[in-house]
Each structure stands twice: as structure tokens, then as C-alpha cells.
């Protein structure tokens, strides 16, 4: 049986490698992305994970979606109101008007949720006795990975913690992927590009050049 400490160390190590990839390896060693699928597969096999423990399930999809919907609706309204105050009405919500763009962003959110929930949050839940502590830690790690973006760091900390808590409650990743995609598209629209640099993180945030 894998110890609680080992589970916590894996969650931290995986997040640290993601940060290393964002800041260094994606440019210095492009093929280093192969570590991610290898890590995931080995971890899932070692921990004897199943589709159910990973959140890939349909048996409780309706209930999980119903319970997650009010949470995401609250965030949608909050971001929408923020956008009105920040003068976002002069910008078009590009992700919603371009299906291919939204589909690509949806796929990216899927990858993020696999990393955040299927491995990081699962290991935190196996390492902490309290799911609230695990969710807070998951949100903290998720927010840190969006450094130095001043818009995304606080939003992904809050949103990440809430999504981790929803995952701990229902163990279903599917509503979370859709919710994150919707919220991310709204954030891009609501906040000035000069603030979030087209949602970039890591070195890409500093390299952003407005069109």
C-alpha cells in the first residue's frame, strides 16, 4: 500500500514537473511532453486506478452535472458582471463565435482537468484526511501553475479549489471540463487583453505582443 506521504510527494512532484515544462523544457526540450503520458499511465497502474476513481464515468453524470451547475452559474454571472464593469462589451466573445477555437480550448481544458483531478487531486485525497484540505491544496497548485498572469493566478486558485472539491464529492471529471472551458472563454472576453495577455502563463506572458 502506498503511504500518504508518498501520495502527497507525487502530487507535488507532478505539479513541479508541469511548472518546469512551462518555464524551461517546452522550449529547451520540446519532446519532454512525452513524460506526461508515461507518468500518468505508470501512476494509474501503480495505484490501480479505474475509470470510476479517475472520474471518467456516466453512472452519476446527471447528478454531478446538476450539483455542479449552480456553482458554475455563479461564476459565469460574476465574470459577466466584471466584464460589464471593465468595458468588455466592445470586444466579441471570440471563443463562442468560433467553434473550432472553442473546441481546441475545450480539449486543452480536458488535459488540464486530467492533470488536476485524475492525478493531482486523487493523490491529495489519498494523502490528506480532509477533502477540504486536499481541494485547497489542489487549487493552490493550480493557481501557482498560472504564474505570473495577474488575472489567472487568483481566478484559477479559486476555481481550481472549487473544482477539486466538486471532484472529491462526485468523482466525475466531465462537468468540470465543460465548466472550465466556459469560464475560461468568459475570462478571455471579460478582462482586458493588456491584463491577461491572451491567457498566457510562464515566459509566454512576458513575450506577448498585442496584435
Protein backbone atom coordinates (compact mmCIF):
# COMPACT_ATOMS: atom_id res chain seq x y z
CA UNK A 1 0.00 0.00 0.00
CA UNK A 2 1.32 3.43 -0.96
CA UNK A 3 1.76 5.73 2.02
CA UNK A 4 0.04 9.07 2.47
CA UNK A 5 3.38 10.85 2.31
CA UNK A 6 4.26 9.18 -0.98
CA UNK A 7 0.92 10.28 -2.46
CA UNK A 8 1.48 13.86 -1.36
CA UNK A 9 5.00 13.85 -2.75
CA UNK A 10 3.74 12.59 -6.11
CA UNK A 11 1.12 15.35 -6.29
CA UNK A 12 3.79 17.96 -5.57
CA UNK A 13 6.30 16.36 -7.93
CA UNK A 14 3.82 16.21 -10.81
CA UNK A 15 2.91 19.88 -10.33
CA UNK A 16 6.59 20.78 -10.13
CA UNK A 17 7.29 18.99 -13.41
CA UNK A 18 4.41 20.84 -15.09
CA UNK A 19 5.93 24.12 -13.88
CA UNK A 20 9.35 23.06 -15.14
CA UNK A 21 7.88 22.21 -18.52
CA UNK A 22 6.09 25.58 -18.76
CA UNK A 23 9.13 27.64 -17.81
CA UNK A 24 12.02 25.66 -19.30
CA UNK A 25 11.51 22.39 -21.07
CA UNK A 26 8.88 23.22 -23.69
CA UNK A 27 11.47 25.38 -25.43
CA UNK A 28 14.72 23.67 -24.42
CA UNK A 29 13.44 20.09 -24.89
CA UNK A 30 10.21 20.00 -26.94
CA UNK A 31 9.83 16.21 -26.72
CA UNK A 32 9.79 16.35 -22.93
CA UNK A 33 5.97 16.39 -23.14
CA UNK A 34 6.23 12.61 -23.54
CA UNK A 35 6.93 12.40 -19.82
CA UNK A 36 3.33 13.34 -19.08
CA UNK A 37 1.53 10.36 -20.67
CA UNK A 38 4.18 7.98 -19.37
CA UNK A 39 3.85 9.40 -15.85
CA UNK A 40 0.05 9.19 -16.00
CA UNK A 41 -0.04 5.60 -17.19
CA UNK A 42 2.53 4.39 -14.68
CA UNK A 43 0.79 6.21 -11.83
CA UNK A 44 -2.64 4.89 -12.76
CA UNK A 45 -1.31 1.32 -12.96
CA UNK A 46 0.65 1.61 -9.73
CA UNK A 47 -2.35 2.98 -7.84
CA UNK A 48 -4.75 0.57 -9.54
CA UNK A 49 -6.95 3.41 -10.67
CA UNK A 50 -10.15 2.67 -12.54
CA UNK A 51 -12.32 4.86 -14.81
CA UNK A 52 -14.53 5.43 -11.78
CA UNK A 53 -11.72 6.66 -9.50
CA UNK A 54 -10.39 8.81 -12.34
CA UNK A 55 -13.76 10.47 -12.85
CA UNK A 56 -14.47 9.01 -16.30
CA UNK A 57 -17.95 7.75 -15.61
CA UNK A 58 -21.53 8.10 -16.81
CA UNK A 59 -23.41 6.46 -13.94
CA UNK A 60 -23.56 9.68 -11.89
CA UNK A 61 -23.13 12.21 -14.70
CA UNK A 62 -26.63 13.62 -14.38
CA UNK A 63 -26.37 14.14 -10.64
CA UNK A 64 -22.83 15.51 -10.78
CA UNK A 65 -23.82 17.96 -13.51
CA UNK A 66 -26.91 19.07 -11.60
CA UNK A 67 -24.87 19.73 -8.46
CA UNK A 68 -22.06 21.50 -10.32
CA UNK A 69 -24.33 23.69 -12.46
CA UNK A 70 -25.27 26.26 -9.75
CA UNK A 71 -21.61 26.68 -8.85
CA UNK A 72 -20.55 27.35 -12.42
CA UNK A 73 -23.59 29.58 -12.98
CA UNK A 74 -22.50 31.75 -10.05
CA UNK A 75 -19.01 32.10 -11.55
CA UNK A 76 -20.46 32.84 -15.00
CA UNK A 77 -22.57 35.65 -13.57
CA UNK A 78 -19.66 37.04 -11.54
CA UNK A 79 -17.30 37.08 -14.52
CA UNK A 80 -20.02 38.53 -16.74
CA UNK A 81 -20.66 41.38 -14.30
CA UNK A 82 -16.93 42.00 -14.06
CA UNK A 83 -16.78 42.18 -17.84
CA UNK A 84 -19.54 44.79 -17.95
CA UNK A 85 -17.72 46.97 -15.43
CA UNK A 86 -14.42 46.55 -17.30
CA UNK A 87 -15.92 47.62 -20.63
CA UNK A 88 -15.80 44.23 -22.34
CA UNK A 89 -18.87 44.95 -24.47
CA UNK A 90 -16.65 46.41 -27.19
CA UNK A 91 -14.96 43.01 -27.61
CA UNK A 92 -16.52 39.98 -29.22
CA UNK A 93 -16.54 36.70 -27.22
CA UNK A 94 -14.27 35.07 -29.80
CA UNK A 95 -14.25 31.58 -28.28
CA UNK A 96 -18.03 31.32 -28.54
CA UNK A 97 -18.21 32.77 -32.06
CA UNK A 98 -15.54 30.42 -33.44
CA UNK A 99 -16.48 26.76 -32.84
CA UNK A 100 -13.05 25.44 -33.80
CA UNK A 101 -11.39 27.79 -31.35
CA UNK A 102 -13.71 26.73 -28.54
CA UNK A 103 -13.21 23.05 -29.43
CA UNK A 104 -9.44 23.49 -29.20
CA UNK A 105 -9.75 25.27 -25.87
CA UNK A 106 -12.14 22.55 -24.63
CA UNK A 107 -9.50 19.92 -25.47
CA UNK A 108 -6.89 21.94 -23.58
CA UNK A 109 -9.20 22.15 -20.55
CA UNK A 110 -9.67 18.38 -20.75
CA UNK A 111 -5.90 17.88 -20.49
CA UNK A 112 -5.74 20.30 -17.57
CA UNK A 113 -8.50 18.50 -15.69
CA UNK A 114 -6.83 15.14 -16.25
CA UNK A 115 -3.68 16.53 -14.67
CA UNK A 116 -5.51 18.40 -11.91
CA UNK A 117 -8.11 15.82 -10.92
CA UNK A 118 -7.12 12.37 -12.20
CA UNK A 119 -3.63 12.50 -10.75
CA UNK A 120 -3.03 15.57 -8.54
CA UNK A 121 -6.34 15.67 -6.67
CA UNK A 122 -6.56 11.88 -6.46
CA UNK A 123 -3.13 11.76 -4.80
CA UNK A 124 -4.01 14.65 -2.49
CA UNK A 125 -7.16 12.84 -1.42
CA UNK A 126 -5.06 9.77 -0.68
CA UNK A 127 -2.59 11.91 1.25
CA UNK A 128 -4.91 14.12 3.30
CA UNK A 129 -7.72 13.01 5.58
CA UNK A 130 -9.79 16.08 4.78
CA UNK A 131 -11.13 16.60 1.26
CA UNK A 132 -11.36 20.33 2.01
CA UNK A 133 -7.61 20.41 2.70
CA UNK A 134 -6.98 18.42 -0.46
CA UNK A 135 -9.16 20.75 -2.54
CA UNK A 136 -7.49 23.87 -1.12
CA UNK A 137 -4.05 22.43 -1.88
CA UNK A 138 -5.14 21.43 -5.37
CA UNK A 139 -6.39 24.96 -6.03
CA UNK A 140 -3.16 26.42 -4.67
CA UNK A 141 -1.07 24.26 -7.00
CA UNK A 142 -3.34 25.01 -9.97
CA UNK A 143 -3.13 28.74 -9.34
CA UNK A 144 0.65 28.64 -8.94
CA UNK A 145 1.00 26.99 -12.36
CA UNK A 146 -0.60 30.08 -13.94
CA UNK A 147 2.10 32.42 -12.65
CA UNK A 148 2.77 35.29 -13.44
CA UNK A 149 -0.61 36.07 -15.02
CA UNK A 150 -2.28 38.55 -12.62
CA UNK A 151 -5.76 37.60 -13.80
CA UNK A 152 -5.40 33.83 -13.98
CA UNK A 153 -3.45 33.22 -10.76
CA UNK A 154 -6.24 34.29 -8.36
CA UNK A 155 -9.06 33.02 -10.58
CA UNK A 156 -7.52 29.58 -11.10
CA UNK A 157 -6.74 29.29 -7.40
CA UNK A 158 -10.39 29.90 -6.51
CA UNK A 159 -11.81 27.98 -9.45
CA UNK A 160 -9.30 25.17 -9.06
CA UNK A 161 -10.12 24.71 -5.37
CA UNK A 162 -13.85 24.64 -6.11
CA UNK A 163 -13.48 22.18 -8.99
CA UNK A 164 -11.26 19.95 -6.84
CA UNK A 165 -13.93 19.96 -4.15
CA UNK A 166 -16.60 19.09 -6.72
CA UNK A 167 -14.43 16.24 -7.96
CA UNK A 168 -13.89 14.96 -4.42
CA UNK A 169 -17.65 14.96 -3.87
CA UNK A 170 -18.82 13.30 -7.09
CA UNK A 171 -15.69 11.85 -8.77
CA UNK A 172 -16.82 12.95 -12.23
CA UNK A 173 -14.50 14.96 -14.43
CA UNK A 174 -16.86 15.61 -17.33
CA UNK A 175 -18.90 18.55 -15.93
CA UNK A 176 -15.67 20.14 -14.74
CA UNK A 177 -14.14 20.15 -18.21
CA UNK A 178 -17.15 21.88 -19.73
CA UNK A 179 -17.38 24.30 -16.81
CA UNK A 180 -13.72 25.26 -17.05
CA UNK A 181 -13.98 25.77 -20.81
CA UNK A 182 -16.97 28.08 -20.42
CA UNK A 183 -15.39 30.06 -17.60
CA UNK A 184 -12.04 30.37 -19.37
CA UNK A 185 -13.71 31.65 -22.54
CA UNK A 186 -15.60 34.23 -20.46
CA UNK A 187 -12.44 35.34 -18.66
CA UNK A 188 -10.71 35.94 -22.01
CA UNK A 189 -13.63 38.17 -23.01
CA UNK A 190 -14.31 39.92 -19.69
CA UNK A 191 -10.81 41.07 -18.73
CA UNK A 192 -8.62 43.37 -20.86
CA UNK A 193 -6.03 41.65 -23.04
CA UNK A 194 -3.47 44.04 -21.55
CA UNK A 195 -4.08 42.31 -18.23
CA UNK A 196 -4.14 38.64 -19.15
CA UNK A 197 -2.03 38.71 -22.36
CA UNK A 198 -4.40 36.34 -24.19
CA UNK A 199 -4.41 33.92 -21.22
CA UNK A 200 -0.68 33.18 -21.40
CA UNK A 201 1.38 31.92 -18.48
CA UNK A 202 5.07 31.40 -17.80
CA UNK A 203 7.56 33.04 -20.17
CA UNK A 204 4.82 33.39 -22.77
CA UNK A 205 3.15 36.02 -20.60
CA UNK A 206 6.18 38.30 -20.95
CA UNK A 207 6.63 37.53 -24.65
CA UNK A 208 3.06 38.52 -25.56
CA UNK A 209 2.82 41.18 -28.27
CA UNK A 210 -0.63 42.74 -28.78
CA UNK A 211 -1.94 42.46 -32.33
